[in-house]
Amino acid sequence: MNRMGFIAAGALAFGLVLLACEDNSGYDPYSRSDPCAQYTSCGECTPVLGCGWCANFDGTGACADEPNDCNGVGFTWAWEPSGCLQPADASVVMDGAPPVPDSGPTEAAAD
């Protein structure tokens, strides 16, 4: 092969490599949409394959496809419904029983 043929073959190979690496799919990893984001609670999110729940320490949460998508400094991550945290119930419920009297010191009865 002569020198010009070798250069032409090299240029063609280089051009084909460049075309093969061209990505026209429009995929941008920094602006992708998360298919899990449509779920708004841990109970809806965790049964979906590939989705997990970010529970932030401030009480908010979000469904995402990986823990790296969680916002905030402190959060817990759950793939399974059993990992969903339940908010504490601080309400007082009266069950109808009379109040228990104070059991403070008593005086002895005189006979």
N, C-alpha and C. Protein backbone atom coordinates (compact mmCIF):
# COMPACT_ATOMS: atom_id res chain seq x y z
N MET A 1 0.86 -1.16 0.00
CA MET A 1 0.00 0.00 0.00
C MET A 1 0.90 1.22 0.00
N ASN A 2 0.57 2.17 -0.83
CA ASN A 2 1.40 3.36 -0.90
C ASN A 2 1.07 4.31 0.25
N ARG A 3 1.85 5.32 0.37
CA ARG A 3 1.73 6.26 1.48
C ARG A 3 0.37 6.96 1.48
N MET A 4 -0.15 7.41 0.36
CA MET A 4 -1.46 8.10 0.28
C MET A 4 -2.59 7.15 0.67
N GLY A 5 -2.50 5.92 0.23
CA GLY A 5 -3.53 4.93 0.58
C GLY A 5 -3.55 4.67 2.07
N PHE A 6 -2.38 4.62 2.70
CA PHE A 6 -2.29 4.40 4.14
C PHE A 6 -2.90 5.56 4.91
N ILE A 7 -2.60 6.78 4.47
CA ILE A 7 -3.15 7.99 5.11
C ILE A 7 -4.66 8.04 4.93
N ALA A 8 -5.15 7.73 3.75
CA ALA A 8 -6.59 7.74 3.49
C ALA A 8 -7.30 6.69 4.34
N ALA A 9 -6.72 5.50 4.46
CA ALA A 9 -7.33 4.44 5.27
C ALA A 9 -7.36 4.85 6.74
N GLY A 10 -6.30 5.49 7.20
CA GLY A 10 -6.25 5.96 8.59
C GLY A 10 -7.29 7.04 8.85
N ALA A 11 -7.42 7.97 7.91
CA ALA A 11 -8.41 9.04 8.06
C ALA A 11 -9.82 8.48 8.06
N LEU A 12 -10.08 7.50 7.21
CA LEU A 12 -11.40 6.86 7.15
C LEU A 12 -11.70 6.14 8.46
N ALA A 13 -10.72 5.41 8.97
CA ALA A 13 -10.92 4.69 10.23
C ALA A 13 -11.18 5.66 11.37
N PHE A 14 -10.43 6.76 11.40
CA PHE A 14 -10.63 7.77 12.44
C PHE A 14 -12.02 8.39 12.34
N GLY A 15 -12.46 8.68 11.14
CA GLY A 15 -13.79 9.25 10.93
C GLY A 15 -14.90 8.29 11.36
N LEU A 16 -14.72 7.01 11.06
CA LEU A 16 -15.72 6.02 11.48
C LEU A 16 -15.78 5.89 12.99
N VAL A 17 -14.65 5.97 13.64
CA VAL A 17 -14.63 5.92 15.10
C VAL A 17 -15.37 7.12 15.67
N LEU A 18 -15.15 8.30 15.12
CA LEU A 18 -15.86 9.48 15.60
C LEU A 18 -17.36 9.37 15.40
N LEU A 19 -17.78 8.86 14.26
CA LEU A 19 -19.21 8.70 13.99
C LEU A 19 -19.82 7.65 14.91
N ALA A 20 -19.09 6.60 15.18
CA ALA A 20 -19.60 5.54 16.05
C ALA A 20 -19.80 6.04 17.47
N CYS A 21 -19.01 7.00 17.88
CA CYS A 21 -19.11 7.52 19.25
C CYS A 21 -20.13 8.65 19.36
N GLU A 22 -20.69 9.09 18.29
CA GLU A 22 -21.69 10.16 18.31
C GLU A 22 -22.94 9.66 19.00
N ASP A 23 -23.42 10.42 19.93
CA ASP A 23 -24.61 10.04 20.68
C ASP A 23 -25.70 11.06 20.39
N ASN A 24 -26.68 10.68 19.65
CA ASN A 24 -27.79 11.58 19.32
C ASN A 24 -29.05 11.26 20.11
N SER A 25 -28.91 10.45 21.14
CA SER A 25 -30.11 10.04 21.89
C SER A 25 -30.64 11.15 22.78
N GLY A 26 -29.86 12.18 23.04
CA GLY A 26 -30.32 13.27 23.88
C GLY A 26 -30.20 12.97 25.37
N TYR A 27 -29.58 11.86 25.73
CA TYR A 27 -29.44 11.51 27.14
C TYR A 27 -28.45 12.44 27.82
N ASP A 28 -28.88 13.05 28.87
CA ASP A 28 -28.01 13.90 29.67
C ASP A 28 -28.16 13.45 31.12
N PRO A 29 -27.15 12.84 31.72
CA PRO A 29 -27.31 12.30 33.07
C PRO A 29 -27.60 13.36 34.11
N TYR A 30 -27.34 14.61 33.82
CA TYR A 30 -27.59 15.66 34.79
C TYR A 30 -28.97 16.29 34.65
N SER A 31 -29.71 15.94 33.62
CA SER A 31 -31.06 16.50 33.47
C SER A 31 -32.07 15.40 33.17
N ARG A 32 -31.81 14.21 33.68
CA ARG A 32 -32.73 13.10 33.43
C ARG A 32 -33.95 13.21 34.34
N SER A 33 -35.03 12.62 33.92
CA SER A 33 -36.21 12.60 34.78
C SER A 33 -36.25 11.25 35.49
N ASP A 34 -36.60 11.27 36.73
CA ASP A 34 -36.63 10.07 37.54
C ASP A 34 -38.05 9.48 37.48
N PRO A 35 -38.20 8.26 36.96
CA PRO A 35 -39.54 7.68 36.87
C PRO A 35 -40.17 7.42 38.23
N CYS A 36 -39.37 7.37 39.28
CA CYS A 36 -39.90 7.12 40.62
C CYS A 36 -40.51 8.38 41.25
N ALA A 37 -40.18 9.55 40.72
CA ALA A 37 -40.61 10.82 41.33
C ALA A 37 -42.13 11.00 41.34
N GLN A 38 -42.85 10.19 40.57
CA GLN A 38 -44.31 10.32 40.53
C GLN A 38 -44.98 9.81 41.80
N TYR A 39 -44.27 9.02 42.60
CA TYR A 39 -44.85 8.46 43.82
C TYR A 39 -44.58 9.41 44.98
N THR A 40 -45.62 9.66 45.78
CA THR A 40 -45.52 10.71 46.79
C THR A 40 -45.49 10.21 48.22
N SER A 41 -45.50 8.92 48.43
CA SER A 41 -45.39 8.40 49.79
C SER A 41 -44.53 7.16 49.79
N CYS A 42 -44.01 6.82 50.95
CA CYS A 42 -43.16 5.65 51.08
C CYS A 42 -43.96 4.38 50.74
N GLY A 43 -45.22 4.34 51.15
CA GLY A 43 -46.06 3.18 50.87
C GLY A 43 -46.32 2.97 49.39
N GLU A 44 -46.42 4.05 48.61
CA GLU A 44 -46.59 3.94 47.16
C GLU A 44 -45.28 3.62 46.47
N CYS A 45 -44.19 4.17 46.98
CA CYS A 45 -42.89 4.14 46.32
C CYS A 45 -42.18 2.80 46.44
N THR A 46 -42.08 2.27 47.65
CA THR A 46 -41.21 1.11 47.88
C THR A 46 -41.66 -0.19 47.22
N PRO A 47 -42.95 -0.42 46.94
CA PRO A 47 -43.29 -1.65 46.22
C PRO A 47 -42.89 -1.63 44.74
N VAL A 48 -42.59 -0.46 44.20
CA VAL A 48 -42.24 -0.33 42.78
C VAL A 48 -40.78 -0.75 42.59
N LEU A 49 -40.56 -1.71 41.69
CA LEU A 49 -39.22 -2.21 41.43
C LEU A 49 -38.30 -1.10 40.98
N GLY A 50 -37.18 -0.93 41.67
CA GLY A 50 -36.19 0.09 41.31
C GLY A 50 -36.38 1.42 42.01
N CYS A 51 -37.42 1.55 42.81
CA CYS A 51 -37.68 2.81 43.52
C CYS A 51 -37.44 2.64 45.01
N GLY A 52 -36.96 3.69 45.65
CA GLY A 52 -36.74 3.71 47.09
C GLY A 52 -37.17 5.05 47.67
N TRP A 53 -37.38 5.08 48.97
CA TRP A 53 -37.89 6.27 49.63
C TRP A 53 -36.79 6.95 50.44
N CYS A 54 -36.62 8.26 50.19
CA CYS A 54 -35.72 9.11 50.98
C CYS A 54 -36.56 9.77 52.06
N ALA A 55 -36.35 9.41 53.30
CA ALA A 55 -37.06 10.04 54.40
C ALA A 55 -36.09 11.01 55.07
N ASN A 56 -36.34 12.30 54.89
CA ASN A 56 -35.48 13.33 55.47
C ASN A 56 -35.79 13.49 56.95
N PHE A 57 -34.79 13.90 57.71
CA PHE A 57 -34.96 14.06 59.14
C PHE A 57 -35.94 15.17 59.50
N ASP A 58 -36.25 16.05 58.56
CA ASP A 58 -37.21 17.12 58.85
C ASP A 58 -38.65 16.68 58.60
N GLY A 59 -38.86 15.40 58.27
CA GLY A 59 -40.21 14.87 58.08
C GLY A 59 -40.66 14.80 56.63
N THR A 60 -39.93 15.42 55.73
CA THR A 60 -40.29 15.35 54.32
C THR A 60 -39.69 14.10 53.70
N GLY A 61 -40.07 13.80 52.49
CA GLY A 61 -39.51 12.63 51.82
C GLY A 61 -39.75 12.70 50.33
N ALA A 62 -39.11 11.81 49.60
CA ALA A 62 -39.25 11.76 48.15
C ALA A 62 -38.91 10.36 47.66
N CYS A 63 -39.53 9.97 46.56
CA CYS A 63 -39.27 8.69 45.93
C CYS A 63 -38.21 8.91 44.85
N ALA A 64 -37.20 8.04 44.81
CA ALA A 64 -36.11 8.18 43.85
C ALA A 64 -35.60 6.80 43.45
N ASP A 65 -34.83 6.76 42.36
CA ASP A 65 -34.31 5.47 41.92
C ASP A 65 -32.94 5.16 42.49
N GLU A 66 -32.36 6.08 43.26
CA GLU A 66 -31.09 5.80 43.93
C GLU A 66 -30.90 6.80 45.07
N PRO A 67 -30.20 6.40 46.13
CA PRO A 67 -30.00 7.29 47.28
C PRO A 67 -29.25 8.58 46.93
N ASN A 68 -28.45 8.58 45.87
CA ASN A 68 -27.73 9.79 45.48
C ASN A 68 -28.67 10.91 45.07
N ASP A 69 -29.92 10.59 44.76
CA ASP A 69 -30.88 11.61 44.37
C ASP A 69 -31.56 12.27 45.56
N CYS A 70 -31.28 11.80 46.77
CA CYS A 70 -31.92 12.37 47.96
C CYS A 70 -31.36 13.74 48.25
N ASN A 71 -32.24 14.66 48.61
CA ASN A 71 -31.83 16.01 48.99
C ASN A 71 -31.69 16.07 50.50
N GLY A 72 -30.89 16.93 50.96
CA GLY A 72 -30.76 17.11 52.40
C GLY A 72 -29.52 16.44 52.95
N VAL A 73 -29.15 16.89 54.13
CA VAL A 73 -27.95 16.39 54.78
C VAL A 73 -28.24 15.05 55.46
N GLY A 74 -29.36 14.95 56.12
CA GLY A 74 -29.68 13.73 56.85
C GLY A 74 -30.94 13.07 56.32
N PHE A 75 -30.84 11.79 55.99
CA PHE A 75 -32.01 11.06 55.52
C PHE A 75 -31.80 9.59 55.75
N THR A 76 -32.90 8.84 55.70
CA THR A 76 -32.82 7.39 55.70
C THR A 76 -33.32 6.92 54.34
N TRP A 77 -32.90 5.73 53.94
CA TRP A 77 -33.26 5.19 52.63
C TRP A 77 -33.94 3.85 52.83
N ALA A 78 -35.05 3.62 52.12
CA ALA A 78 -35.76 2.35 52.22
C ALA A 78 -36.11 1.83 50.83
N TRP A 79 -35.71 0.59 50.55
CA TRP A 79 -36.13 -0.08 49.31
C TRP A 79 -37.41 -0.87 49.54
N GLU A 80 -37.61 -1.32 50.77
CA GLU A 80 -38.72 -2.21 51.10
C GLU A 80 -39.80 -1.46 51.88
N PRO A 81 -41.07 -1.86 51.72
CA PRO A 81 -42.14 -1.21 52.49
C PRO A 81 -41.92 -1.31 54.00
N SER A 82 -41.29 -2.38 54.47
CA SER A 82 -41.05 -2.52 55.90
C SER A 82 -40.09 -1.46 56.43
N GLY A 83 -39.36 -0.80 55.56
CA GLY A 83 -38.42 0.25 55.97
C GLY A 83 -39.06 1.62 56.08
N CYS A 84 -40.33 1.73 55.74
CA CYS A 84 -41.01 3.03 55.84
C CYS A 84 -41.17 3.42 57.30
N LEU A 85 -40.72 4.62 57.63
CA LEU A 85 -40.87 5.11 59.00
C LEU A 85 -42.28 5.64 59.19
N GLN A 86 -42.86 5.32 60.32
CA GLN A 86 -44.18 5.83 60.65
C GLN A 86 -44.01 7.02 61.57
N PRO A 87 -44.70 8.14 61.28
CA PRO A 87 -44.58 9.30 62.16
C PRO A 87 -45.14 8.98 63.54
N ALA A 88 -44.52 9.54 64.56
CA ALA A 88 -44.98 9.33 65.93
C ALA A 88 -46.31 10.01 66.15
N ASP A 89 -47.18 9.36 66.88
CA ASP A 89 -48.49 9.92 67.22
C ASP A 89 -48.40 10.44 68.64
N ALA A 90 -48.37 11.75 68.80
CA ALA A 90 -48.23 12.36 70.12
C ALA A 90 -49.57 12.76 70.72
N SER A 91 -50.68 12.29 70.14
CA SER A 91 -51.99 12.68 70.65
C SER A 91 -52.32 11.88 71.91
N VAL A 92 -53.19 12.45 72.72
CA VAL A 92 -53.66 11.79 73.94
C VAL A 92 -55.07 11.31 73.67
N VAL A 93 -55.30 10.04 73.92
CA VAL A 93 -56.62 9.47 73.68
C VAL A 93 -57.20 9.03 75.01
N MET A 94 -58.39 9.51 75.32
CA MET A 94 -59.07 9.10 76.54
C MET A 94 -59.84 7.83 76.23
N ASP A 95 -59.70 6.82 77.07
CA ASP A 95 -60.38 5.56 76.81
C ASP A 95 -61.66 5.41 77.62
N GLY A 96 -62.08 6.44 78.33
CA GLY A 96 -63.32 6.40 79.08
C GLY A 96 -63.12 6.00 80.53
N ALA A 97 -61.95 5.56 80.90
CA ALA A 97 -61.67 5.18 82.28
C ALA A 97 -61.52 6.44 83.12
N PRO A 98 -61.97 6.36 84.39
CA PRO A 98 -61.79 7.54 85.25
C PRO A 98 -60.32 7.77 85.52
N PRO A 99 -59.94 9.02 85.82
CA PRO A 99 -58.55 9.30 86.11
C PRO A 99 -58.10 8.57 87.37
N VAL A 100 -56.86 8.18 87.42
CA VAL A 100 -56.30 7.50 88.60
C VAL A 100 -55.93 8.57 89.61
N PRO A 101 -56.41 8.40 90.88
CA PRO A 101 -56.09 9.42 91.89
C PRO A 101 -54.60 9.40 92.21
N ASP A 102 -54.14 10.54 92.68
CA ASP A 102 -52.74 10.67 93.06
C ASP A 102 -52.46 9.72 94.21
N SER A 103 -51.41 8.94 94.10
CA SER A 103 -51.11 7.97 95.15
C SER A 103 -49.98 8.49 96.03
N GLY A 104 -50.12 9.73 96.48
CA GLY A 104 -49.12 10.34 97.33
C GLY A 104 -49.15 9.75 98.75
N PRO A 105 -48.38 10.32 99.68
CA PRO A 105 -48.36 9.79 101.04
C PRO A 105 -49.74 9.88 101.69
N THR A 106 -50.06 8.89 102.46
CA THR A 106 -51.36 8.87 103.17
C THR A 106 -51.10 8.91 104.66
N GLU A 107 -52.10 9.41 105.40
CA GLU A 107 -52.00 9.45 106.86
C GLU A 107 -52.64 8.19 107.42
N ALA A 108 -52.08 7.71 108.47
CA ALA A 108 -52.63 6.49 109.11
C ALA A 108 -53.93 6.87 109.81
N ALA A 109 -54.90 6.01 109.72
CA ALA A 109 -56.19 6.26 110.37
C ALA A 109 -56.09 5.97 111.86
N ALA A 110 -56.71 6.82 112.67
CA ALA A 110 -56.68 6.65 114.13
C ALA A 110 -57.80 5.73 114.56
N ASP A 111 -57.52 4.79 115.52
CA ASP A 111 -58.55 3.90 116.04
C ASP A 111 -59.13 4.43 117.30
